[in-house]
């Protein structure tokens, strides 16, 4: 029997649901089951949109952390695209409910990825742990809501 050994969260600002990684022989029907195949399909859809330039990386006043990544490190849109295209199910962390009014039906997928970037104001390369939150819209367009340094360590669902 495989034991429940990792706890994962589907969260919103005001709602947090703890999700245990299900036992293979005894899944909990009261908790959402996230399987690797679903995440791989989601990523396949994301990558198809990104390859066709049907995506946007948010860098507006509300997304200062995203802006800071581009100010603090030598990174451009092409490198960001390359990082997104390199994501795998092993980078998956959690699913969050969109809490913005009118968009509560959307689910936002969170991934983490360690990348080596050159500091913009220095000479050192550094391993940077990224927090990447994606929203695939019904029309297939992708919004990269978060693309910045992690503020806290992520727990990875399939590791």
N, C-alpha and C. Protein backbone atom coordinates (compact mmCIF):
# COMPACT_ATOMS: atom_id res chain seq x y z
N UNK A 1 0.84 -1.18 0.00
CA UNK A 1 0.00 0.00 0.00
C UNK A 1 0.88 1.24 0.00
N UNK A 2 0.54 2.20 -0.81
CA UNK A 2 1.27 3.46 -0.85
C UNK A 2 0.62 4.40 0.15
N UNK A 3 1.42 5.04 0.98
CA UNK A 3 0.87 5.93 1.99
C UNK A 3 0.69 7.33 1.44
N UNK A 4 -0.23 8.04 2.05
CA UNK A 4 -0.36 9.47 1.74
C UNK A 4 0.85 10.15 2.35
N UNK A 5 1.66 10.75 1.50
CA UNK A 5 2.88 11.34 2.02
C UNK A 5 3.05 12.80 1.66
N UNK A 6 2.17 13.33 0.86
CA UNK A 6 2.28 14.73 0.49
C UNK A 6 0.92 15.37 0.58
N UNK A 7 0.89 16.58 1.08
CA UNK A 7 -0.35 17.33 1.15
C UNK A 7 -0.26 18.47 0.15
N UNK A 8 -1.32 18.66 -0.61
CA UNK A 8 -1.36 19.69 -1.63
C UNK A 8 -2.58 20.55 -1.40
N UNK A 9 -2.54 21.73 -1.95
CA UNK A 9 -3.60 22.68 -1.68
C UNK A 9 -4.18 23.21 -2.97
N UNK A 10 -5.51 23.23 -3.02
CA UNK A 10 -6.20 24.02 -4.02
C UNK A 10 -6.70 25.21 -3.23
N UNK A 11 -6.31 26.40 -3.63
CA UNK A 11 -6.58 27.55 -2.77
C UNK A 11 -7.09 28.74 -3.54
N UNK A 12 -7.76 29.60 -2.84
CA UNK A 12 -8.08 30.94 -3.30
C UNK A 12 -7.78 31.83 -2.12
N UNK A 13 -7.96 33.12 -2.28
CA UNK A 13 -7.64 34.02 -1.18
C UNK A 13 -8.45 33.71 0.06
N UNK A 14 -9.70 33.29 -0.12
CA UNK A 14 -10.53 33.06 1.04
C UNK A 14 -10.91 31.60 1.25
N UNK A 15 -10.50 30.72 0.34
CA UNK A 15 -10.83 29.31 0.45
C UNK A 15 -9.57 28.48 0.27
N UNK A 16 -9.35 27.55 1.16
CA UNK A 16 -8.22 26.64 1.03
C UNK A 16 -8.73 25.23 1.24
N UNK A 17 -8.45 24.37 0.27
CA UNK A 17 -8.83 22.97 0.38
C UNK A 17 -7.55 22.15 0.43
N UNK A 18 -7.37 21.38 1.48
CA UNK A 18 -6.21 20.50 1.56
C UNK A 18 -6.52 19.23 0.79
N UNK A 19 -5.57 18.81 -0.02
CA UNK A 19 -5.75 17.62 -0.83
C UNK A 19 -4.58 16.70 -0.56
N UNK A 20 -4.85 15.51 -0.05
CA UNK A 20 -3.80 14.52 0.11
C UNK A 20 -3.61 13.81 -1.21
N UNK A 21 -2.38 13.46 -1.51
CA UNK A 21 -2.13 12.62 -2.67
C UNK A 21 -2.83 11.29 -2.39
N UNK A 22 -3.74 10.85 -3.26
CA UNK A 22 -4.56 9.69 -2.93
C UNK A 22 -3.77 8.39 -2.90
N UNK A 23 -4.20 7.47 -2.01
CA UNK A 23 -3.66 6.11 -2.02
C UNK A 23 -4.07 5.47 -3.34
N UNK A 24 -3.20 4.68 -3.91
CA UNK A 24 -3.53 4.02 -5.17
C UNK A 24 -4.68 3.05 -4.97
N UNK A 25 -4.68 2.30 -3.86
CA UNK A 25 -5.72 1.30 -3.66
C UNK A 25 -6.92 1.82 -2.90
N UNK A 26 -6.89 3.08 -2.47
CA UNK A 26 -7.99 3.61 -1.69
C UNK A 26 -8.13 5.12 -1.89
N UNK A 27 -8.55 5.57 -3.10
CA UNK A 27 -8.69 7.01 -3.32
C UNK A 27 -9.82 7.58 -2.47
N UNK A 28 -9.67 8.81 -2.08
CA UNK A 28 -10.69 9.51 -1.30
C UNK A 28 -11.63 10.21 -2.28
N UNK A 29 -12.86 9.74 -2.39
CA UNK A 29 -13.80 10.29 -3.36
C UNK A 29 -14.29 11.69 -2.98
N UNK A 30 -14.00 12.13 -1.77
CA UNK A 30 -14.43 13.46 -1.34
C UNK A 30 -13.42 14.55 -1.70
N UNK A 31 -12.28 14.16 -2.20
CA UNK A 31 -11.24 15.12 -2.56
C UNK A 31 -10.94 15.01 -4.04
N UNK A 32 -10.68 16.14 -4.70
CA UNK A 32 -10.38 16.09 -6.13
C UNK A 32 -9.16 15.23 -6.40
N UNK A 33 -9.23 14.43 -7.44
CA UNK A 33 -8.13 13.58 -7.84
C UNK A 33 -7.43 14.23 -9.03
N UNK A 34 -6.19 14.55 -8.84
CA UNK A 34 -5.40 15.15 -9.91
C UNK A 34 -4.46 14.07 -10.40
N UNK A 35 -4.56 13.76 -11.69
CA UNK A 35 -3.64 12.73 -12.18
C UNK A 35 -2.67 13.33 -13.19
N UNK A 36 -1.57 12.63 -13.34
CA UNK A 36 -0.47 13.12 -14.17
C UNK A 36 -0.90 13.31 -15.62
N UNK A 37 -1.75 12.43 -16.11
CA UNK A 37 -2.21 12.53 -17.49
C UNK A 37 -2.97 13.83 -17.73
N UNK A 38 -3.81 14.23 -16.77
CA UNK A 38 -4.55 15.49 -16.89
C UNK A 38 -3.59 16.68 -16.96
N UNK A 39 -2.58 16.67 -16.12
CA UNK A 39 -1.60 17.77 -16.10
C UNK A 39 -0.79 17.77 -17.40
N UNK A 40 -0.42 16.60 -17.87
CA UNK A 40 0.32 16.51 -19.14
C UNK A 40 -0.53 17.05 -20.29
N UNK A 41 -1.83 16.76 -20.31
CA UNK A 41 -2.72 17.27 -21.35
C UNK A 41 -2.85 18.78 -21.24
N UNK A 42 -3.00 19.28 -20.01
CA UNK A 42 -3.07 20.73 -19.78
C UNK A 42 -1.80 21.40 -20.33
N UNK A 43 -0.65 20.84 -20.00
CA UNK A 43 0.61 21.40 -20.48
C UNK A 43 0.73 21.32 -22.00
N UNK A 44 0.23 20.27 -22.59
CA UNK A 44 0.24 20.13 -24.05
C UNK A 44 -0.57 21.26 -24.69
N UNK A 45 -1.73 21.55 -24.11
CA UNK A 45 -2.56 22.65 -24.61
C UNK A 45 -1.87 24.00 -24.42
N UNK A 46 -1.23 24.17 -23.27
CA UNK A 46 -0.49 25.41 -22.99
C UNK A 46 0.62 25.59 -24.01
N UNK A 47 1.40 24.55 -24.21
CA UNK A 47 2.54 24.64 -25.12
C UNK A 47 2.10 24.90 -26.56
N UNK A 48 1.00 24.30 -26.97
CA UNK A 48 0.48 24.55 -28.32
C UNK A 48 0.14 26.03 -28.48
N UNK A 49 -0.52 26.62 -27.48
CA UNK A 49 -0.87 28.04 -27.54
C UNK A 49 0.38 28.92 -27.54
N UNK A 50 1.34 28.58 -26.70
CA UNK A 50 2.57 29.37 -26.61
C UNK A 50 3.35 29.30 -27.92
N UNK A 51 3.45 28.11 -28.49
CA UNK A 51 4.16 27.97 -29.77
C UNK A 51 3.52 28.80 -30.88
N UNK A 52 2.20 28.98 -30.80
CA UNK A 52 1.47 29.77 -31.80
C UNK A 52 1.34 31.24 -31.39
N UNK A 53 2.07 31.62 -30.34
CA UNK A 53 2.03 32.99 -29.80
C UNK A 53 0.62 33.42 -29.40
N UNK A 54 -0.16 32.49 -28.91
CA UNK A 54 -1.50 32.77 -28.40
C UNK A 54 -1.45 32.81 -26.88
N UNK A 55 -0.58 33.68 -26.38
CA UNK A 55 -0.43 33.83 -24.93
C UNK A 55 0.05 35.23 -24.61
N UNK A 56 -0.09 35.57 -23.35
CA UNK A 56 0.38 36.88 -22.87
C UNK A 56 0.99 36.68 -21.49
N UNK A 57 2.16 37.26 -21.29
CA UNK A 57 2.79 37.26 -19.99
C UNK A 57 2.45 38.58 -19.32
N UNK A 58 1.66 38.52 -18.25
CA UNK A 58 1.22 39.75 -17.58
C UNK A 58 2.39 40.49 -16.95
N UNK A 59 2.57 41.73 -17.38
CA UNK A 59 3.57 42.63 -16.78
C UNK A 59 2.94 44.00 -16.69
N UNK A 60 1.97 44.09 -15.78
CA UNK A 60 1.29 45.36 -15.57
C UNK A 60 1.51 45.81 -14.12
N UNK A 61 0.90 46.91 -13.74
CA UNK A 61 1.10 47.48 -12.41
C UNK A 61 0.73 46.50 -11.29
N UNK A 62 -0.23 45.62 -11.56
CA UNK A 62 -0.65 44.65 -10.55
C UNK A 62 0.29 43.45 -10.48
N UNK A 63 1.22 43.36 -11.39
CA UNK A 63 2.13 42.21 -11.47
C UNK A 63 3.58 42.66 -11.34
N UNK A 64 3.87 43.44 -10.30
CA UNK A 64 5.20 43.99 -10.09
C UNK A 64 6.26 42.88 -9.95
N UNK A 65 5.88 41.76 -9.32
CA UNK A 65 6.85 40.67 -9.17
C UNK A 65 7.31 40.14 -10.53
N UNK A 66 6.39 40.09 -11.50
CA UNK A 66 6.76 39.66 -12.86
C UNK A 66 7.74 40.66 -13.47
N UNK A 67 7.44 41.93 -13.31
CA UNK A 67 8.31 42.99 -13.84
C UNK A 67 9.70 42.89 -13.21
N UNK A 68 9.72 42.67 -11.90
CA UNK A 68 11.00 42.61 -11.18
C UNK A 68 11.91 41.51 -11.69
N UNK A 69 11.35 40.37 -12.10
CA UNK A 69 12.19 39.30 -12.63
C UNK A 69 12.97 39.79 -13.85
N UNK A 70 12.31 40.56 -14.71
CA UNK A 70 12.95 41.07 -15.92
C UNK A 70 13.92 42.22 -15.61
N UNK A 71 13.71 42.90 -14.48
CA UNK A 71 14.63 43.96 -14.07
C UNK A 71 15.85 43.41 -13.35
N UNK A 72 15.66 42.32 -12.59
CA UNK A 72 16.74 41.77 -11.76
C UNK A 72 17.65 40.79 -12.50
N UNK A 73 17.15 40.19 -13.58
CA UNK A 73 17.91 39.17 -14.30
C UNK A 73 17.90 39.44 -15.80
N UNK A 74 18.89 38.88 -16.48
CA UNK A 74 18.95 38.99 -17.93
C UNK A 74 18.00 37.92 -18.49
N UNK A 75 16.80 38.36 -18.80
CA UNK A 75 15.78 37.47 -19.33
C UNK A 75 14.89 38.31 -20.25
N UNK A 76 14.45 37.69 -21.33
CA UNK A 76 13.57 38.38 -22.26
C UNK A 76 12.38 37.49 -22.58
N UNK A 77 11.51 37.95 -23.46
CA UNK A 77 10.30 37.19 -23.82
C UNK A 77 10.67 35.83 -24.41
N UNK A 78 11.71 35.77 -25.22
CA UNK A 78 12.11 34.51 -25.84
C UNK A 78 12.54 33.49 -24.78
N UNK A 79 13.30 33.94 -23.78
CA UNK A 79 13.74 33.04 -22.70
C UNK A 79 12.54 32.61 -21.86
N UNK A 80 11.61 33.52 -21.58
CA UNK A 80 10.41 33.19 -20.82
C UNK A 80 9.60 32.13 -21.57
N UNK A 81 9.47 32.29 -22.87
CA UNK A 81 8.75 31.33 -23.71
C UNK A 81 9.43 29.96 -23.64
N UNK A 82 10.74 29.96 -23.74
CA UNK A 82 11.52 28.71 -23.65
C UNK A 82 11.27 28.00 -22.31
N UNK A 83 11.23 28.76 -21.24
CA UNK A 83 10.99 28.19 -19.90
C UNK A 83 9.60 27.58 -19.83
N UNK A 84 8.61 28.29 -20.33
CA UNK A 84 7.23 27.76 -20.31
C UNK A 84 7.15 26.48 -21.13
N UNK A 85 7.78 26.46 -22.28
CA UNK A 85 7.76 25.28 -23.15
C UNK A 85 8.50 24.09 -22.53
N UNK A 86 9.35 24.34 -21.55
CA UNK A 86 10.12 23.26 -20.91
C UNK A 86 9.41 22.66 -19.70
N UNK A 87 8.27 23.21 -19.31
CA UNK A 87 7.55 22.69 -18.14
C UNK A 87 7.09 21.26 -18.37
N UNK A 88 7.12 20.47 -17.30
CA UNK A 88 6.61 19.10 -17.33
C UNK A 88 5.66 18.91 -16.15
N UNK A 89 4.99 17.77 -16.12
CA UNK A 89 4.09 17.46 -15.00
C UNK A 89 4.86 17.44 -13.68
N UNK A 90 6.13 17.14 -13.73
CA UNK A 90 6.94 17.12 -12.50
C UNK A 90 7.09 18.52 -11.90
N UNK A 91 6.85 19.55 -12.68
CA UNK A 91 6.91 20.93 -12.20
C UNK A 91 5.59 21.40 -11.59
N UNK A 92 4.55 20.58 -11.69
CA UNK A 92 3.21 20.95 -11.21
C UNK A 92 3.16 20.99 -9.69
N UNK A 93 2.53 22.05 -9.17
CA UNK A 93 2.40 22.20 -7.72
C UNK A 93 0.95 22.14 -7.25
N UNK A 94 0.09 23.00 -7.80
CA UNK A 94 -1.28 23.08 -7.28
C UNK A 94 -2.21 23.74 -8.28
N UNK A 95 -3.49 23.65 -7.97
CA UNK A 95 -4.53 24.34 -8.74
C UNK A 95 -5.20 25.33 -7.79
N UNK A 96 -5.37 26.55 -8.28
CA UNK A 96 -6.03 27.58 -7.49
C UNK A 96 -7.30 28.02 -8.20
N UNK A 97 -8.29 28.36 -7.43
CA UNK A 97 -9.52 28.91 -8.00
C UNK A 97 -9.30 30.40 -8.22
N UNK A 98 -9.71 30.90 -9.38
CA UNK A 98 -9.64 32.34 -9.65
C UNK A 98 -10.65 33.02 -8.74
N UNK A 99 -10.23 34.05 -8.03
CA UNK A 99 -11.12 34.73 -7.08
C UNK A 99 -11.63 36.06 -7.61
N UNK A 100 -11.24 36.44 -8.81
CA UNK A 100 -11.70 37.70 -9.36
C UNK A 100 -13.16 37.59 -9.78
N UNK A 101 -13.93 38.61 -9.43
CA UNK A 101 -15.36 38.62 -9.70
C UNK A 101 -15.64 38.38 -11.19
N UNK A 102 -16.52 37.43 -11.42
CA UNK A 102 -16.87 37.07 -12.79
C UNK A 102 -16.00 35.98 -13.39
N UNK A 103 -14.92 35.61 -12.71
CA UNK A 103 -13.99 34.61 -13.23
C UNK A 103 -13.82 33.43 -12.27
N UNK A 104 -14.74 33.30 -11.33
CA UNK A 104 -14.63 32.26 -10.30
C UNK A 104 -14.64 30.85 -10.88
N UNK A 105 -15.12 30.68 -12.10
CA UNK A 105 -15.17 29.37 -12.75
C UNK A 105 -13.80 28.92 -13.25
N UNK A 106 -12.85 29.83 -13.31
CA UNK A 106 -11.53 29.51 -13.86
C UNK A 106 -10.65 28.85 -12.81
N UNK A 107 -9.84 27.93 -13.29
CA UNK A 107 -8.85 27.26 -12.43
C UNK A 107 -7.47 27.64 -12.93
N UNK A 108 -6.64 28.05 -12.01
CA UNK A 108 -5.30 28.52 -12.33
C UNK A 108 -4.29 27.45 -11.90
N UNK A 109 -3.40 27.08 -12.78
CA UNK A 109 -2.45 26.01 -12.52
C UNK A 109 -1.09 26.61 -12.16
N UNK A 110 -0.52 26.12 -11.06
CA UNK A 110 0.75 26.64 -10.55
C UNK A 110 1.85 25.61 -10.79
N UNK A 111 2.96 26.11 -11.32
CA UNK A 111 4.14 25.29 -11.58
C UNK A 111 5.35 26.00 -10.99
N UNK A 112 6.38 25.25 -10.74
CA UNK A 112 7.65 25.81 -10.29
C UNK A 112 8.76 25.26 -11.17
N UNK A 113 9.77 26.07 -11.36
CA UNK A 113 10.88 25.63 -12.21
C UNK A 113 12.15 26.34 -11.76
N UNK A 114 13.22 25.58 -11.58
CA UNK A 114 14.53 26.16 -11.28
C UNK A 114 15.25 26.42 -12.60
N UNK A 115 15.69 27.65 -12.78
CA UNK A 115 16.41 28.03 -13.99
C UNK A 115 17.66 28.81 -13.61
N UNK A 116 18.66 28.77 -14.46
CA UNK A 116 19.87 29.54 -14.23
C UNK A 116 19.76 30.83 -15.02
N UNK A 117 19.86 31.95 -14.29
CA UNK A 117 19.77 33.27 -14.91
C UNK A 117 20.96 34.11 -14.48
N UNK A 118 21.36 35.02 -15.34
CA UNK A 118 22.44 35.96 -15.05
C UNK A 118 21.84 37.18 -14.36
N UNK A 119 22.45 37.56 -13.23
CA UNK A 119 21.99 38.77 -12.54
C UNK A 119 22.23 39.97 -13.44
N UNK A 120 21.24 40.85 -13.54
CA UNK A 120 21.37 42.01 -14.42
C UNK A 120 22.42 43.00 -13.88
N UNK A 121 22.45 43.19 -12.57
CA UNK A 121 23.40 44.12 -11.96
C UNK A 121 24.48 43.35 -11.21
N UNK A 122 25.17 42.54 -11.93
CA UNK A 122 26.24 41.73 -11.34
C UNK A 122 26.85 40.87 -12.42
N UNK A 123 27.68 39.96 -11.98
CA UNK A 123 28.36 39.09 -12.94
C UNK A 123 28.08 37.63 -12.68
N UNK A 124 27.20 37.37 -11.73
CA UNK A 124 26.96 35.99 -11.30
C UNK A 124 25.73 35.38 -11.96
N UNK A 125 25.86 34.12 -12.33
CA UNK A 125 24.69 33.34 -12.70
C UNK A 125 24.13 32.78 -11.40
N UNK A 126 22.83 32.64 -11.36
CA UNK A 126 22.17 32.20 -10.14
C UNK A 126 21.05 31.23 -10.50
N UNK A 127 20.87 30.21 -9.67
CA UNK A 127 19.71 29.34 -9.85
C UNK A 127 18.52 30.03 -9.21
N UNK A 128 17.53 30.31 -10.02
CA UNK A 128 16.35 31.04 -9.58
C UNK A 128 15.15 30.09 -9.62
N UNK A 129 14.46 29.97 -8.49
CA UNK A 129 13.25 29.15 -8.43
C UNK A 129 12.07 30.02 -8.83
N UNK A 130 11.45 29.67 -9.96
CA UNK A 130 10.35 30.46 -10.48
C UNK A 130 8.99 29.93 -10.01
N UNK A 131 8.06 30.85 -9.85
CA UNK A 131 6.65 30.58 -9.57
C UNK A 131 5.91 30.97 -10.85
N UNK A 132 5.24 29.99 -11.46
CA UNK A 132 4.57 30.22 -12.73
C UNK A 132 3.11 29.81 -12.59
N UNK A 133 2.21 30.78 -12.75
CA UNK A 133 0.77 30.51 -12.64
C UNK A 133 0.13 30.78 -13.98
N UNK A 134 -0.56 29.76 -14.52
CA UNK A 134 -1.12 29.82 -15.86
C UNK A 134 -2.63 29.73 -15.84
N UNK A 135 -3.24 30.44 -16.79
CA UNK A 135 -4.69 30.39 -16.97
C UNK A 135 -4.97 30.15 -18.45
N UNK A 136 -5.52 28.97 -18.75
CA UNK A 136 -5.89 28.65 -20.13
C UNK A 136 -7.36 29.00 -20.29
N UNK A 137 -7.65 29.97 -21.14
CA UNK A 137 -9.02 30.41 -21.36
C UNK A 137 -9.77 29.44 -22.26
N UNK A 138 -11.07 29.54 -22.28
CA UNK A 138 -11.91 28.66 -23.08
C UNK A 138 -11.60 28.69 -24.56
N UNK A 139 -11.11 29.82 -25.05
CA UNK A 139 -10.79 29.94 -26.47
C UNK A 139 -9.37 29.46 -26.80
N UNK A 140 -8.68 28.90 -25.80
CA UNK A 140 -7.33 28.38 -26.01
C UNK A 140 -6.22 29.37 -25.75
N UNK A 141 -6.55 30.65 -25.56
CA UNK A 141 -5.55 31.66 -25.26
C UNK A 141 -5.04 31.44 -23.83
N UNK A 142 -3.76 31.68 -23.61
CA UNK A 142 -3.15 31.46 -22.30
C UNK A 142 -2.67 32.78 -21.71
N UNK A 143 -2.99 32.98 -20.45
CA UNK A 143 -2.46 34.13 -19.72
C UNK A 143 -1.48 33.60 -18.68
N UNK A 144 -0.26 34.08 -18.75
CA UNK A 144 0.75 33.75 -17.76
C UNK A 144 0.60 34.82 -16.68
N UNK A 145 -0.13 34.47 -15.65
CA UNK A 145 -0.47 35.43 -14.60
C UNK A 145 0.74 35.75 -13.74
N UNK A 146 1.46 34.72 -13.36
CA UNK A 146 2.65 34.89 -12.52
C UNK A 146 3.84 34.25 -13.20
N UNK A 147 4.93 34.98 -13.21
CA UNK A 147 6.19 34.49 -13.76
C UNK A 147 7.28 35.25 -13.02
N UNK A 148 7.62 34.76 -11.83
CA UNK A 148 8.54 35.49 -10.97
C UNK A 148 9.23 34.54 -10.00
N UNK A 149 10.15 35.10 -9.21
CA UNK A 149 10.83 34.30 -8.20
C UNK A 149 9.81 33.82 -7.17
N UNK A 150 10.00 32.59 -6.70
CA UNK A 150 9.13 32.06 -5.66
C UNK A 150 9.34 32.86 -4.38
N UNK A 151 8.23 33.15 -3.70
CA UNK A 151 8.29 33.83 -2.41
C UNK A 151 8.37 32.82 -1.28
N UNK A 152 7.97 31.59 -1.56
CA UNK A 152 8.04 30.49 -0.60
C UNK A 152 8.25 29.21 -1.40
N UNK A 153 8.83 28.21 -0.79
CA UNK A 153 9.08 26.95 -1.53
C UNK A 153 7.75 26.27 -1.90
N UNK A 154 7.71 25.73 -3.09
CA UNK A 154 6.51 25.01 -3.55
C UNK A 154 6.63 23.54 -3.19
N UNK A 155 5.47 22.91 -3.06
CA UNK A 155 5.39 21.47 -2.93
C UNK A 155 4.94 20.94 -4.27
N UNK A 156 5.67 19.97 -4.78
CA UNK A 156 5.36 19.45 -6.11
C UNK A 156 4.53 18.17 -5.99
N UNK A 157 3.44 18.13 -6.71
CA UNK A 157 2.45 17.09 -6.57
C UNK A 157 2.95 15.70 -6.97
N UNK A 158 3.78 15.62 -8.00
CA UNK A 158 4.20 14.32 -8.51
C UNK A 158 5.63 13.93 -8.14
N UNK A 159 6.21 14.63 -7.20
CA UNK A 159 7.58 14.27 -6.77
C UNK A 159 7.53 13.54 -5.45
